[in-house]
N, C-alpha and C. Protein backbone atom coordinates (compact mmCIF):
# COMPACT_ATOMS: atom_id res chain seq x y z
N UNK A 1 116.76 90.47 103.75
CA UNK A 1 115.55 89.71 103.49
C UNK A 1 114.44 90.64 103.07
N UNK A 2 113.68 90.27 102.10
CA UNK A 2 112.59 91.10 101.65
C UNK A 2 111.24 90.60 102.12
N UNK A 3 110.48 91.49 102.74
CA UNK A 3 109.10 91.16 103.10
C UNK A 3 108.17 92.20 102.48
N UNK A 4 106.93 91.83 102.32
CA UNK A 4 105.92 92.74 101.80
C UNK A 4 105.14 93.31 102.97
N UNK A 5 105.01 94.63 102.99
CA UNK A 5 104.24 95.31 104.03
C UNK A 5 102.98 95.87 103.38
N UNK A 6 101.84 95.41 103.85
CA UNK A 6 100.55 95.90 103.37
C UNK A 6 100.16 97.06 104.27
N UNK A 7 100.04 98.25 103.70
CA UNK A 7 99.78 99.47 104.46
C UNK A 7 98.27 99.74 104.51
N UNK A 8 97.77 99.98 105.70
CA UNK A 8 96.34 100.30 105.88
C UNK A 8 95.98 101.54 105.07
N UNK A 9 94.78 101.58 104.54
CA UNK A 9 94.39 102.68 103.65
C UNK A 9 94.50 104.05 104.29
N UNK A 10 94.33 104.15 105.59
CA UNK A 10 94.43 105.47 106.23
C UNK A 10 95.88 105.97 106.27
N UNK A 11 96.84 105.08 106.10
CA UNK A 11 98.25 105.47 106.12
C UNK A 11 98.85 105.63 104.73
N UNK A 12 98.09 105.35 103.70
CA UNK A 12 98.62 105.43 102.33
C UNK A 12 98.87 106.85 101.87
N UNK A 13 98.33 107.83 102.60
CA UNK A 13 98.65 109.22 102.27
C UNK A 13 100.13 109.49 102.52
N UNK A 14 100.74 108.68 103.38
CA UNK A 14 102.17 108.83 103.69
C UNK A 14 103.06 108.01 102.75
N UNK A 15 102.44 107.11 101.95
CA UNK A 15 103.22 106.23 101.07
C UNK A 15 102.94 106.50 99.60
N UNK A 16 102.53 107.72 99.29
CA UNK A 16 102.19 108.08 97.90
C UNK A 16 101.12 107.16 97.32
N UNK A 17 100.24 106.67 98.18
CA UNK A 17 99.13 105.83 97.75
C UNK A 17 99.47 104.36 97.61
N UNK A 18 100.71 103.99 97.86
CA UNK A 18 101.11 102.58 97.72
C UNK A 18 100.49 101.72 98.81
N UNK A 19 99.91 100.60 98.41
CA UNK A 19 99.28 99.68 99.35
C UNK A 19 100.27 98.62 99.82
N UNK A 20 101.10 98.11 98.92
CA UNK A 20 102.05 97.05 99.23
C UNK A 20 103.46 97.55 98.93
N UNK A 21 104.33 97.46 99.94
CA UNK A 21 105.70 97.96 99.82
C UNK A 21 106.65 96.88 100.27
N UNK A 22 107.67 96.61 99.47
CA UNK A 22 108.67 95.61 99.85
C UNK A 22 109.83 96.29 100.54
N UNK A 23 110.21 95.75 101.70
CA UNK A 23 111.34 96.28 102.47
C UNK A 23 112.20 95.13 102.96
N UNK A 24 113.44 95.44 103.28
CA UNK A 24 114.36 94.45 103.82
C UNK A 24 114.50 94.64 105.32
N UNK A 25 114.82 93.56 106.01
CA UNK A 25 115.07 93.63 107.44
C UNK A 25 115.05 92.25 108.05
N UNK A 26 115.53 92.14 109.29
CA UNK A 26 115.57 90.85 109.96
C UNK A 26 114.45 90.69 111.00
N UNK A 27 113.76 91.80 111.32
CA UNK A 27 112.65 91.76 112.27
C UNK A 27 111.56 92.71 111.79
N UNK A 28 110.39 92.60 112.39
CA UNK A 28 109.29 93.50 112.04
C UNK A 28 109.72 94.95 112.31
N UNK A 29 110.34 95.20 113.45
CA UNK A 29 110.78 96.55 113.79
C UNK A 29 111.79 97.10 112.81
N UNK A 30 112.73 96.26 112.39
CA UNK A 30 113.73 96.66 111.40
C UNK A 30 113.06 97.03 110.08
N UNK A 31 112.12 96.21 109.65
CA UNK A 31 111.40 96.47 108.39
C UNK A 31 110.57 97.76 108.48
N UNK A 32 109.89 97.95 109.61
CA UNK A 32 109.10 99.18 109.76
C UNK A 32 110.02 100.40 109.83
N UNK A 33 111.19 100.25 110.44
CA UNK A 33 112.16 101.34 110.47
C UNK A 33 112.61 101.74 109.07
N UNK A 34 112.83 100.75 108.23
CA UNK A 34 113.22 101.04 106.84
C UNK A 34 112.06 101.64 106.06
N UNK A 35 110.86 101.20 106.38
CA UNK A 35 109.68 101.78 105.74
C UNK A 35 109.56 103.26 106.10
N UNK A 36 109.77 103.58 107.37
CA UNK A 36 109.71 104.97 107.83
C UNK A 36 110.83 105.79 107.20
N UNK A 37 111.98 105.17 106.97
CA UNK A 37 113.09 105.89 106.31
C UNK A 37 112.69 106.29 104.90
N UNK A 38 111.96 105.43 104.23
CA UNK A 38 111.49 105.74 102.86
C UNK A 38 110.33 106.73 102.87
N UNK A 39 109.47 106.61 103.88
CA UNK A 39 108.27 107.43 103.97
C UNK A 39 108.20 108.05 105.37
N UNK A 40 108.93 109.14 105.61
CA UNK A 40 109.04 109.72 106.96
C UNK A 40 107.71 110.09 107.62
N UNK A 41 106.68 110.37 106.84
CA UNK A 41 105.38 110.72 107.41
C UNK A 41 104.77 109.59 108.22
N UNK A 42 105.22 108.36 107.97
CA UNK A 42 104.69 107.22 108.71
C UNK A 42 105.15 107.19 110.16
N UNK A 43 106.25 107.86 110.46
CA UNK A 43 106.81 107.81 111.81
C UNK A 43 105.78 108.19 112.85
N UNK A 44 105.20 109.37 112.75
CA UNK A 44 104.22 109.83 113.74
C UNK A 44 102.89 109.10 113.61
N UNK A 45 102.63 108.49 112.44
CA UNK A 45 101.39 107.75 112.25
C UNK A 45 101.44 106.36 112.90
N UNK A 46 102.67 105.83 113.13
CA UNK A 46 102.81 104.50 113.68
C UNK A 46 103.40 104.46 115.08
N UNK A 47 104.30 105.41 115.39
CA UNK A 47 105.07 105.35 116.63
C UNK A 47 104.86 106.57 117.52
N UNK A 48 105.01 106.34 118.83
CA UNK A 48 104.97 107.47 119.76
C UNK A 48 106.37 108.09 119.87
N UNK A 49 106.53 109.06 120.74
CA UNK A 49 107.81 109.76 120.88
C UNK A 49 108.93 108.88 121.41
N UNK A 50 108.58 107.74 122.01
CA UNK A 50 109.59 106.82 122.55
C UNK A 50 109.91 105.68 121.60
N UNK A 51 109.30 105.71 120.39
CA UNK A 51 109.57 104.67 119.40
C UNK A 51 108.73 103.42 119.55
N UNK A 52 107.71 103.48 120.40
CA UNK A 52 106.82 102.34 120.57
C UNK A 52 105.62 102.50 119.65
N UNK A 53 105.07 101.36 119.22
CA UNK A 53 103.88 101.42 118.38
C UNK A 53 102.76 102.13 119.12
N UNK A 54 102.02 102.95 118.41
CA UNK A 54 100.84 103.57 119.01
C UNK A 54 99.86 102.47 119.42
N UNK A 55 99.10 102.71 120.48
CA UNK A 55 98.25 101.66 121.04
C UNK A 55 97.16 101.17 120.09
N UNK A 56 96.83 101.92 119.06
CA UNK A 56 95.79 101.50 118.13
C UNK A 56 96.34 100.94 116.82
N UNK A 57 97.64 100.69 116.77
CA UNK A 57 98.26 100.07 115.60
C UNK A 57 98.46 98.59 115.90
N UNK A 58 98.05 97.75 114.98
CA UNK A 58 98.20 96.32 115.15
C UNK A 58 98.99 95.78 113.96
N UNK A 59 99.93 94.90 114.24
CA UNK A 59 100.79 94.33 113.21
C UNK A 59 100.48 92.84 113.07
N UNK A 60 100.30 92.41 111.84
CA UNK A 60 100.11 91.01 111.53
C UNK A 60 101.29 90.53 110.71
N UNK A 61 101.73 89.32 110.95
CA UNK A 61 102.80 88.71 110.19
C UNK A 61 102.27 87.40 109.65
N UNK A 62 102.21 87.30 108.32
CA UNK A 62 101.65 86.10 107.66
C UNK A 62 100.26 85.77 108.20
N UNK A 63 99.44 86.78 108.30
CA UNK A 63 98.03 86.71 108.70
C UNK A 63 97.81 86.29 110.15
N UNK A 64 98.86 86.37 110.97
CA UNK A 64 98.75 86.08 112.40
C UNK A 64 99.15 87.34 113.17
N UNK A 65 98.41 87.63 114.23
CA UNK A 65 98.78 88.77 115.06
C UNK A 65 100.20 88.58 115.57
N UNK A 66 101.01 89.63 115.49
CA UNK A 66 102.39 89.58 115.96
C UNK A 66 102.49 89.99 117.44
N UNK A 67 101.37 90.31 118.07
CA UNK A 67 101.34 90.73 119.47
C UNK A 67 101.56 89.54 120.38
N UNK A 68 102.26 89.65 121.45
CA UNK A 68 103.05 90.78 121.93
C UNK A 68 104.46 90.76 121.32
N UNK A 69 105.16 91.83 121.51
CA UNK A 69 106.54 91.91 121.03
C UNK A 69 106.65 92.01 119.53
N UNK A 70 105.69 92.70 118.92
CA UNK A 70 105.62 92.80 117.46
C UNK A 70 106.95 93.21 116.82
N UNK A 71 107.56 94.25 117.36
CA UNK A 71 108.75 94.81 116.72
C UNK A 71 109.94 93.87 116.76
N UNK A 72 109.96 92.95 117.71
CA UNK A 72 111.09 92.01 117.84
C UNK A 72 110.90 90.73 117.03
N UNK A 73 109.72 90.53 116.48
CA UNK A 73 109.46 89.28 115.75
C UNK A 73 110.39 89.17 114.55
N UNK A 74 111.07 88.02 114.40
CA UNK A 74 111.93 87.84 113.24
C UNK A 74 111.11 87.62 111.97
N UNK A 75 111.66 88.04 110.85
CA UNK A 75 111.01 87.83 109.56
C UNK A 75 111.97 87.09 108.64
N UNK A 76 111.38 86.45 107.64
CA UNK A 76 112.20 85.76 106.65
C UNK A 76 111.73 86.17 105.26
N UNK A 77 112.59 85.94 104.30
CA UNK A 77 112.30 86.30 102.92
C UNK A 77 110.93 85.77 102.50
N UNK A 78 110.11 86.65 101.93
CA UNK A 78 108.80 86.26 101.45
C UNK A 78 107.67 86.43 102.45
N UNK A 79 107.97 86.76 103.70
CA UNK A 79 106.92 87.00 104.69
C UNK A 79 106.09 88.21 104.27
N UNK A 80 104.87 88.25 104.78
CA UNK A 80 104.00 89.39 104.53
C UNK A 80 103.54 89.97 105.86
N UNK A 81 103.68 91.27 105.99
CA UNK A 81 103.26 91.98 107.19
C UNK A 81 102.11 92.90 106.83
N UNK A 82 101.20 93.07 107.76
CA UNK A 82 100.04 93.94 107.54
C UNK A 82 99.96 94.92 108.71
N UNK A 83 99.88 96.20 108.37
CA UNK A 83 99.73 97.24 109.38
C UNK A 83 98.24 97.57 109.44
N UNK A 84 97.63 97.37 110.61
CA UNK A 84 96.21 97.62 110.76
C UNK A 84 95.97 98.71 111.79
N UNK A 85 94.92 99.42 111.57
CA UNK A 85 94.50 100.48 112.48
C UNK A 85 93.26 99.98 113.21
N UNK A 86 93.34 99.94 114.51
CA UNK A 86 92.18 99.53 115.31
C UNK A 86 91.38 100.79 115.61
N UNK A 87 90.13 100.79 115.20
CA UNK A 87 89.30 101.96 115.44
C UNK A 87 88.91 102.01 116.91
N UNK A 88 89.28 103.10 117.55
CA UNK A 88 88.91 103.20 118.96
C UNK A 88 87.40 103.41 119.13
N UNK A 89 86.89 102.89 120.19
CA UNK A 89 85.47 103.06 120.48
C UNK A 89 85.27 104.34 121.30
N UNK A 90 84.19 104.99 121.03
CA UNK A 90 83.81 106.16 121.81
C UNK A 90 82.72 105.70 122.78
N UNK A 91 82.99 105.82 124.06
CA UNK A 91 82.04 105.38 125.07
C UNK A 91 81.41 106.61 125.72
N UNK A 92 80.10 106.62 125.70
CA UNK A 92 79.36 107.72 126.30
C UNK A 92 78.50 107.15 127.43
N UNK A 93 78.74 107.61 128.63
CA UNK A 93 77.97 107.12 129.77
C UNK A 93 77.08 108.22 130.32
N UNK A 94 75.88 107.83 130.65
CA UNK A 94 74.96 108.73 131.35
C UNK A 94 74.52 107.97 132.61
N UNK A 95 73.70 108.60 133.39
CA UNK A 95 73.25 107.99 134.64
C UNK A 95 72.53 106.65 134.39
N UNK A 96 71.75 106.57 133.30
CA UNK A 96 70.92 105.40 133.08
C UNK A 96 71.49 104.37 132.12
N UNK A 97 72.47 104.75 131.28
CA UNK A 97 72.96 103.77 130.30
C UNK A 97 74.32 104.15 129.75
N UNK A 98 74.95 103.19 129.12
CA UNK A 98 76.24 103.40 128.46
C UNK A 98 76.08 103.00 127.00
N UNK A 99 76.48 103.87 126.10
CA UNK A 99 76.47 103.56 124.68
C UNK A 99 77.90 103.51 124.16
N UNK A 100 78.18 102.57 123.28
CA UNK A 100 79.49 102.45 122.67
C UNK A 100 79.33 102.69 121.17
N UNK A 101 80.10 103.62 120.66
CA UNK A 101 80.05 103.93 119.24
C UNK A 101 81.40 103.56 118.61
N UNK A 102 81.36 102.80 117.54
CA UNK A 102 82.58 102.47 116.80
C UNK A 102 82.54 103.27 115.51
N UNK A 103 83.58 104.06 115.28
CA UNK A 103 83.62 104.86 114.05
C UNK A 103 84.50 104.21 113.04
């Protein structure tokens, strides 16, 4: 089955600048595995050492969050997946106040 994976701009350095990549697979995890096979640099950009998605990576399937269980979600021909990067907040606390900075 072929699905389109929309790659976040920060990860396009690993995909030769490609924004949309078509891959085959029966689940989100299968498709991402095939994507990593084509573009090995994505492995460390998306997954930890145990093969789990990094905590700041979010996967959407047909414009809906695939959380929880993103990697196990089944896909069908023509589906579209989006890999998003959640920007972590930097929290700075002092005695009198807390500031949150989003980069």
